[in-house]
Amino acid sequence: MKRIRIGLLPRILIAILLGVLLGNVLTLPWVRLFITFNSIFSQFLGFMIPLIIVGLVAPAIADIGSKVGRLLLWAVGLAYVDTILAGLLGYGVGSWLFPQMVEAGQNTTLTTEAEALLPFFEIKIPPLFDVMAALVLSFVAGLSIAYCHAPTLKQGLSEMRKLVEIIIQAAIIPLLPLYIFGIFLEMTFTGSAYHILLVFAKIIVVIFVLHITVLLYEFVIAGGLTHRNPLKLLWTMLPAYFMALGTSSSAATIPVTLRQTKKNGVSEDVASFAVPLCATIHMSGSMMKITCCALTVCLMSGLPYDFPLFLHFMMLLGVCMVAGPGVPGGAIMAALGPLASILGFSPDQQALMIALYIAMDSFGTACNVTGDGAIALVLDKLFRK
């Protein structure tokens, strides 16, 4: 018989539902059993985060850095600036709306580690180095390979990227539903799950509206620079949008994004260069979504969320997410480092971020790849001969 495969999003949703339902039924020893698994898994995840950053970011920087020229500099600059702008939009709207939404649901404060139910035992797995060291190492290694032409080291980093991708796909992603089940089981057992779900249901609606807003301002700017109707340009890119909704992969959507970008009048050379590159470095939808979710968790947990702190977070996140689309959930995996090191998120709060991100993963990807068409239009205007 043909084996039925359930995607990651349905498994995450099933895990949340079962956690909420069984949290009202299971006794304390059973809850502590799953908390023990979560304790071990979170230690493993913390160990892997710096390695994920090095394994994904260093090879990507090496590949990008080997392509010299003004077109590359403009493409990287535009993609990074647009990614940060999307994060600023999410932070601005979130700072305005989310405090009222969080206050509307009473007793939404997340359980802190000190108040959490204790596991039966703990295993400490300290990371080899911290997140900032991983990011600096990625830049040093990537740029050194790009400009010193070190094929052996480049091959080694490429193999490390494959190893990291295998660990994410074969170990972390399959265990995530069980991890998230344990989180929601604990929250239901302690009585906070319903309030948290109510708050995030409202936040998801706001994030969806912001996705549309990001696409509109991207194509309004592109249309203004090219003196063309921005709505027609956006309409032409819709096949790429819906393709990304189905695949949740920027890389898998490249052929459709490339075809629709050419239909918008972008030259063959610019489109063939910009679309594959932006699929790796242009993460406006993901940035906005992660920023909004992180802001909500900060509000619910009583963590600081001032603008300088979040600007620091977004600027580092924009770099960490490079090459994130290469693996399922790669962007949020790369974001775990800045979430912990800059915003001070606990493993439980990181698990909430993973669940929320994956629940909306396809919409963020669709926003990313559709916006790639706007970046390509601007580049074509600047460099068309």
Protein backbone atom coordinates (compact mmCIF):
# COMPACT_ATOMS: atom_id res chain seq x y z
CA MET A 1 0.00 0.00 0.00
CA LYS A 2 1.15 3.52 -0.70
CA ARG A 3 2.56 5.19 2.39
CA ILE A 4 0.67 8.29 3.47
CA ARG A 5 3.01 11.19 4.24
CA ILE A 6 1.86 13.98 6.53
CA GLY A 7 3.54 17.34 6.04
CA LEU A 8 5.29 19.27 8.78
CA LEU A 9 2.53 21.87 9.19
CA PRO A 10 -0.24 19.26 9.78
CA ARG A 11 2.03 17.46 12.25
CA ILE A 12 2.68 20.72 14.13
CA LEU A 13 -1.05 21.50 14.26
CA ILE A 14 -1.84 17.95 15.45
CA ALA A 15 0.85 18.28 18.12
CA ILE A 16 -0.64 21.57 19.38
CA LEU A 17 -4.17 20.12 19.41
CA LEU A 18 -3.08 16.95 21.24
CA GLY A 19 -1.06 18.99 23.72
CA VAL A 20 -4.08 21.13 24.55
CA LEU A 21 -6.42 18.13 24.81
CA LEU A 22 -4.15 15.79 26.78
CA GLY A 23 -2.97 18.55 29.08
CA ASN A 24 -6.37 18.30 30.75
CA VAL A 25 -6.20 14.50 31.05
CA LEU A 26 -2.64 13.31 31.75
CA THR A 27 -1.32 13.14 35.29
CA LEU A 28 1.80 14.89 36.60
CA PRO A 29 4.26 11.98 36.01
CA TRP A 30 3.29 11.78 32.32
CA VAL A 31 3.64 15.54 31.90
CA ARG A 32 7.07 15.45 33.55
CA LEU A 33 8.09 12.64 31.17
CA PHE A 34 7.50 14.86 28.13
CA ILE A 35 9.11 17.81 29.94
CA THR A 36 12.20 15.64 30.40
CA PHE A 37 12.32 14.95 26.65
CA ASN A 38 11.93 18.67 25.96
CA SER A 39 14.76 19.46 28.36
CA ILE A 40 17.14 17.11 26.52
CA PHE A 41 15.98 18.22 23.05
CA SER A 42 16.36 21.91 23.92
CA GLN A 43 19.94 21.25 25.06
CA PHE A 44 20.67 19.50 21.75
CA LEU A 45 19.05 22.37 19.85
CA GLY A 46 21.16 24.90 21.75
CA PHE A 47 24.27 22.91 20.87
CA MET A 48 23.32 22.83 17.18
CA ILE A 49 22.38 26.52 16.74
CA PRO A 50 25.96 27.87 16.32
CA LEU A 51 26.80 24.95 14.02
CA ILE A 52 23.66 25.64 11.95
CA ILE A 53 24.72 29.28 11.55
CA VAL A 54 28.25 28.35 10.44
CA GLY A 55 27.03 25.49 8.23
CA LEU A 56 24.47 27.62 6.40
CA VAL A 57 25.89 31.15 6.43
CA ALA A 58 29.61 30.56 5.74
CA PRO A 59 29.13 28.64 2.44
CA ALA A 60 26.51 31.17 1.33
CA ILE A 61 28.88 34.10 1.95
CA ALA A 62 31.64 32.23 0.10
CA ASP A 63 29.34 31.74 -2.91
CA ILE A 64 28.08 35.33 -2.90
CA GLY A 65 31.52 36.83 -2.35
CA SER A 66 32.96 35.02 -5.36
CA LYS A 67 30.63 36.96 -7.65
CA VAL A 68 32.18 40.38 -8.02
CA GLY A 69 30.62 43.44 -9.55
CA ARG A 70 28.28 46.35 -8.96
CA LEU A 71 25.22 44.27 -9.82
CA LEU A 72 25.97 41.92 -6.92
CA LEU A 73 26.52 44.81 -4.51
CA TRP A 74 23.26 46.46 -5.50
CA ALA A 75 21.33 43.18 -5.33
CA VAL A 76 22.65 42.33 -1.86
CA GLY A 77 22.12 45.89 -0.64
CA LEU A 78 18.55 46.14 -1.92
CA ALA A 79 17.61 42.71 -0.57
CA TYR A 80 19.06 43.45 2.87
CA VAL A 81 17.51 46.93 3.12
CA ASP A 82 14.09 45.64 2.05
CA THR A 83 14.36 42.78 4.55
CA ILE A 84 15.10 45.25 7.37
CA LEU A 85 12.29 47.58 6.20
CA ALA A 86 9.82 44.71 6.43
CA GLY A 87 11.03 44.01 9.96
CA LEU A 88 10.65 47.69 10.89
CA LEU A 89 7.09 47.65 9.52
CA GLY A 90 6.30 44.59 11.63
CA TYR A 91 7.84 46.17 14.73
CA GLY A 92 6.08 49.51 14.20
CA VAL A 93 2.64 48.02 13.68
CA GLY A 94 3.22 45.46 16.44
CA SER A 95 4.28 48.11 18.96
CA TRP A 96 1.06 49.97 18.15
CA LEU A 97 -1.44 47.09 18.14
CA PHE A 98 -0.02 44.12 20.04
CA PRO A 99 0.06 45.56 23.61
CA GLN A 100 -3.73 45.97 23.50
CA MET A 101 -4.17 42.49 22.03
CA VAL A 102 -1.99 40.90 24.69
CA GLU A 103 -3.71 42.81 27.50
CA ALA A 104 -7.11 41.79 26.11
CA GLY A 105 -6.33 38.17 27.00
CA GLN A 106 -5.77 38.10 30.76
CA ASN A 107 -3.13 35.92 32.41
CA THR A 108 -1.21 35.40 29.18
CA THR A 109 2.22 35.59 30.77
CA LEU A 110 4.31 32.65 29.61
CA THR A 111 5.56 30.25 32.22
CA THR A 112 9.17 31.05 33.07
CA GLU A 113 11.77 28.35 33.50
CA ALA A 114 11.85 28.97 37.26
CA GLU A 115 8.10 28.35 37.50
CA ALA A 116 8.01 25.47 35.03
CA LEU A 117 7.44 21.85 35.99
CA LEU A 118 10.75 20.10 36.56
CA PRO A 119 12.00 17.20 34.39
CA PHE A 120 12.95 13.89 35.97
CA PHE A 121 16.61 14.56 35.11
CA GLU A 122 18.66 16.98 33.01
CA ILE A 123 21.57 16.60 30.58
CA LYS A 124 23.76 19.62 29.92
CA ILE A 125 25.11 19.95 26.34
CA PRO A 126 27.04 23.24 26.17
CA PRO A 127 27.56 24.67 22.65
CA LEU A 128 31.07 24.81 21.24
CA PHE A 129 30.81 28.62 20.89
CA ASP A 130 28.16 31.30 21.16
CA VAL A 131 26.04 32.82 18.40
CA MET A 132 28.16 35.93 17.83
CA ALA A 133 31.30 33.81 17.54
CA ALA A 134 29.48 31.61 15.02
CA LEU A 135 28.47 34.63 12.95
CA VAL A 136 31.97 36.15 12.98
CA LEU A 137 33.47 32.77 12.08
CA SER A 138 31.00 32.48 9.19
CA PHE A 139 32.02 35.87 7.81
CA VAL A 140 35.75 35.26 8.23
CA ALA A 141 35.60 31.80 6.65
CA GLY A 142 33.22 32.79 3.86
CA LEU A 143 35.07 35.94 2.81
CA SER A 144 38.47 34.24 3.11
CA ILE A 145 37.34 31.47 0.78
CA ALA A 146 35.82 33.95 -1.67
CA TYR A 147 38.92 36.13 -1.99
CA CYS A 148 41.75 33.67 -1.32
CA HIS A 149 40.38 30.89 -3.54
CA ALA A 150 40.68 28.02 -1.03
CA PRO A 151 38.95 25.12 -2.82
CA THR A 152 39.69 22.56 -0.09
CA LEU A 153 38.19 24.73 2.66
CA LYS A 154 35.24 25.58 0.42
CA GLN A 155 34.60 21.90 -0.18
CA GLY A 156 34.80 21.28 3.56
CA LEU A 157 32.22 23.99 4.28
CA SER A 158 29.97 22.66 1.52
CA GLU A 159 30.11 19.23 3.13
CA MET A 160 29.38 20.81 6.52
CA ARG A 161 26.31 22.52 4.99
CA LYS A 162 25.11 19.14 3.73
CA LEU A 163 25.68 17.64 7.18
CA VAL A 164 23.77 20.45 8.89
CA GLU A 165 20.90 20.09 6.40
CA ILE A 166 20.78 16.33 7.05
CA ILE A 167 20.68 16.87 10.83
CA ILE A 168 17.88 19.43 10.45
CA GLN A 169 15.85 17.25 8.09
CA ALA A 170 16.50 13.86 9.75
CA ALA A 171 16.66 14.76 13.44
CA ILE A 172 15.43 18.25 14.35
CA ILE A 173 12.42 18.60 12.03
CA PRO A 174 10.98 15.09 12.76
CA LEU A 175 11.27 15.66 16.53
CA LEU A 176 9.81 19.19 16.46
CA PRO A 177 6.16 18.04 16.67
CA LEU A 178 6.94 16.01 19.80
CA TYR A 179 8.84 18.97 21.25
CA ILE A 180 5.97 21.37 20.56
CA PHE A 181 3.48 18.81 21.90
CA GLY A 182 5.42 18.83 25.19
CA ILE A 183 5.40 22.63 25.31
CA PHE A 184 1.63 22.89 24.83
CA LEU A 185 1.04 19.94 27.16
CA GLU A 186 2.89 21.81 29.91
CA MET A 187 1.13 25.10 29.15
CA THR A 188 -2.29 23.42 29.25
CA PHE A 189 -1.41 21.60 32.47
CA THR A 190 -0.44 24.95 34.06
CA GLY A 191 -3.51 26.69 32.61
CA SER A 192 -1.96 29.19 30.18
CA ALA A 193 -2.39 27.52 26.76
CA TYR A 194 -5.89 28.81 25.93
CA HIS A 195 -4.99 32.44 26.55
CA ILE A 196 -1.78 32.15 24.52
CA LEU A 197 -3.58 30.55 21.56
CA LEU A 198 -6.25 33.27 21.66
CA VAL A 199 -3.64 36.02 21.52
CA PHE A 200 -1.70 34.42 18.66
CA ALA A 201 -4.88 33.86 16.64
CA LYS A 202 -5.28 37.64 16.56
CA ILE A 203 -1.60 38.20 15.80
CA ILE A 204 -1.73 35.84 12.80
CA VAL A 205 -4.49 37.96 11.22
CA VAL A 206 -2.35 41.09 11.58
CA ILE A 207 0.68 39.31 10.11
CA PHE A 208 -1.31 38.22 7.05
CA VAL A 209 -2.43 41.82 6.42
CA LEU A 210 1.18 42.97 6.81
CA HIS A 211 2.32 40.42 4.20
CA ILE A 212 0.00 42.09 1.69
CA THR A 213 1.26 45.51 2.78
CA VAL A 214 4.90 44.48 2.23
CA LEU A 215 4.13 43.28 -1.30
CA LEU A 216 2.21 46.47 -2.12
CA TYR A 217 4.97 48.84 -1.04
CA GLU A 218 7.63 46.73 -2.81
CA PHE A 219 5.79 46.90 -6.13
CA VAL A 220 4.72 50.53 -5.68
CA ILE A 221 8.41 51.44 -5.38
CA ALA A 222 9.37 49.19 -8.30
CA GLY A 223 6.48 50.51 -10.40
CA GLY A 224 7.39 54.11 -9.59
CA LEU A 225 11.00 53.63 -10.64
CA THR A 226 10.06 51.84 -13.86
CA HIS A 227 7.04 54.07 -14.59
CA ARG A 228 4.69 51.09 -14.78
CA ASN A 229 1.45 50.07 -13.07
CA PRO A 230 2.49 48.39 -9.78
CA LEU A 231 -0.74 46.39 -9.52
CA LYS A 232 -0.18 44.86 -12.98
CA LEU A 233 3.39 44.00 -12.04
CA LEU A 234 2.20 42.35 -8.83
CA TRP A 235 -0.58 40.50 -10.69
CA THR A 236 1.97 39.02 -13.09
CA MET A 237 3.94 37.65 -10.10
CA LEU A 238 0.93 35.88 -8.56
CA PRO A 239 1.77 32.44 -10.05
CA ALA A 240 5.05 32.54 -8.12
CA TYR A 241 3.11 33.56 -4.98
CA PHE A 242 0.73 30.60 -5.22
CA MET A 243 3.55 28.22 -6.16
CA ALA A 244 5.36 29.23 -2.97
CA LEU A 245 2.17 28.75 -0.95
CA GLY A 246 2.13 25.14 -2.11
CA THR A 247 5.82 24.33 -1.79
CA SER A 248 6.89 26.54 1.18
CA SER A 249 10.28 26.68 -0.58
CA SER A 250 11.94 29.68 -2.20
CA ALA A 251 14.35 27.39 -4.03
CA ALA A 252 11.60 25.18 -5.48
CA THR A 253 9.75 28.26 -6.73
CA ILE A 254 12.75 29.73 -8.61
CA PRO A 255 11.65 28.47 -12.09
CA VAL A 256 8.20 30.06 -11.75
CA THR A 257 9.58 33.25 -10.18
CA LEU A 258 12.09 33.54 -13.03
CA ARG A 259 9.43 33.03 -15.70
CA GLN A 260 7.06 35.63 -14.22
CA THR A 261 9.88 38.11 -13.65
CA LYS A 262 10.77 37.91 -17.36
CA LYS A 263 7.08 38.43 -18.21
CA ASN A 264 7.32 41.72 -16.29
CA GLY A 265 9.92 42.83 -18.83
CA VAL A 266 13.10 42.16 -16.85
CA SER A 267 16.02 41.29 -19.13
CA GLU A 268 17.27 37.70 -19.33
CA ASP A 269 20.67 38.46 -17.77
CA VAL A 270 19.34 40.45 -14.81
CA ALA A 271 16.47 38.04 -14.11
CA SER A 272 18.72 34.97 -14.27
CA PHE A 273 21.11 36.59 -11.81
CA ALA A 274 18.70 38.31 -9.42
CA VAL A 275 16.03 35.66 -8.90
CA PRO A 276 18.27 32.77 -7.70
CA LEU A 277 20.34 35.17 -5.58
CA CYS A 278 17.30 36.83 -3.96
CA ALA A 279 15.80 33.42 -3.22
CA THR A 280 18.71 33.07 -0.80
CA ILE A 281 19.16 36.57 0.64
CA HIS A 282 15.81 38.39 0.29
CA MET A 283 13.69 37.44 3.32
CA SER A 284 11.24 40.30 3.80
CA GLY A 285 8.22 38.12 4.60
CA SER A 286 10.17 35.92 7.00
CA MET A 287 11.74 38.93 8.74
CA MET A 288 8.39 40.64 9.27
CA LYS A 289 6.79 37.44 10.56
CA ILE A 290 9.60 36.56 12.97
CA THR A 291 9.73 40.14 14.26
CA CYS A 292 5.99 40.22 14.95
CA CYS A 293 6.00 36.84 16.69
CA ALA A 294 9.08 37.73 18.74
CA LEU A 295 7.50 41.03 19.79
CA THR A 296 4.38 39.19 20.92
CA VAL A 297 6.39 36.69 22.98
CA CYS A 298 8.28 39.60 24.59
CA LEU A 299 5.00 41.30 25.53
CA MET A 300 3.56 38.08 26.96
CA SER A 301 6.74 37.25 28.88
CA GLY A 302 7.51 40.70 30.24
CA LEU A 303 10.79 40.88 28.30
CA PRO A 304 12.10 44.25 27.03
CA TYR A 305 11.12 45.18 23.49
CA ASP A 306 12.54 48.68 22.99
CA PHE A 307 13.42 49.82 19.48
CA PRO A 308 17.27 49.74 19.76
CA LEU A 309 17.10 46.16 21.04
CA PHE A 310 14.85 45.02 18.19
CA LEU A 311 16.85 46.94 15.58
CA HIS A 312 19.95 45.08 16.76
CA PHE A 313 17.98 41.82 16.55
CA MET A 314 16.69 42.52 13.04
CA MET A 315 20.04 43.58 11.63
CA LEU A 316 21.70 40.41 12.92
CA LEU A 317 18.75 38.26 11.86
CA GLY A 318 18.94 39.62 8.31
CA VAL A 319 22.44 38.15 8.07
CA CYS A 320 21.70 34.90 9.94
CA MET A 321 18.83 34.03 7.59
CA VAL A 322 21.15 33.96 4.56
CA ALA A 323 20.75 30.51 2.97
CA GLY A 324 17.89 29.72 5.36
CA PRO A 325 15.51 28.83 2.48
CA GLY A 326 17.74 25.87 1.62
CA VAL A 327 16.13 23.68 4.27
CA PRO A 328 12.57 23.39 5.65
CA GLY A 329 12.14 25.89 8.44
CA GLY A 330 15.68 27.11 7.81
CA ALA A 331 14.87 30.77 8.54
CA ILE A 332 13.47 30.11 12.01
CA MET A 333 16.30 27.67 12.76
CA ALA A 334 18.81 30.40 11.91
CA ALA A 335 16.77 32.88 13.98
CA LEU A 336 17.01 30.81 17.17
CA GLY A 337 20.50 32.19 17.83
CA PRO A 338 19.55 35.90 17.83
CA LEU A 339 16.31 35.09 19.66
CA ALA A 340 18.28 33.58 22.53
CA SER A 341 21.38 35.79 22.54
CA ILE A 342 19.77 39.19 21.92
CA LEU A 343 16.14 38.90 23.09
CA GLY A 344 16.86 36.36 25.85
CA PHE A 345 14.30 33.74 24.77
CA SER A 346 14.13 30.53 26.79
CA PRO A 347 13.82 27.11 25.10
CA ASP A 348 10.04 27.16 25.68
CA GLN A 349 9.74 30.57 24.05
CA GLN A 350 11.88 29.41 21.12
CA ALA A 351 9.57 26.41 20.71
CA LEU A 352 6.58 28.76 20.53
CA MET A 353 8.38 30.75 17.85
CA ILE A 354 9.03 27.58 15.84
CA ALA A 355 5.38 26.52 16.06
CA LEU A 356 4.08 29.95 15.04
CA TYR A 357 6.57 30.36 12.21
CA ILE A 358 5.86 26.95 10.68
CA ALA A 359 2.11 27.53 11.00
CA MET A 360 2.54 30.53 8.66
CA ASP A 361 5.63 29.33 6.78
CA SER A 362 4.11 29.22 3.29
CA PHE A 363 2.79 32.80 3.51
CA GLY A 364 6.22 34.15 4.48
CA THR A 365 7.87 32.23 1.65
CA ALA A 366 5.27 33.50 -0.82
CA CYS A 367 5.96 37.06 0.27
CA ASN A 368 9.71 36.52 -0.09
CA VAL A 369 9.66 35.11 -3.63
CA THR A 370 7.05 37.55 -4.95
CA GLY A 371 9.14 40.42 -3.65
CA ASP A 372 12.12 38.99 -5.56
CA GLY A 373 10.33 40.13 -8.71
CA ALA A 374 10.27 43.71 -7.40
CA ILE A 375 14.00 43.61 -6.61
CA ALA A 376 14.69 42.31 -10.13
CA LEU A 377 12.66 45.15 -11.66
CA VAL A 378 14.69 47.77 -9.78
CA LEU A 379 17.99 46.11 -10.75
CA ASP A 380 16.91 45.93 -14.38
CA LYS A 381 16.11 49.64 -14.35
CA LEU A 382 19.55 50.43 -12.91
CA PHE A 383 21.62 48.13 -15.12
CA ARG A 384 19.71 47.76 -18.40
CA LYS A 385 22.07 48.57 -21.26
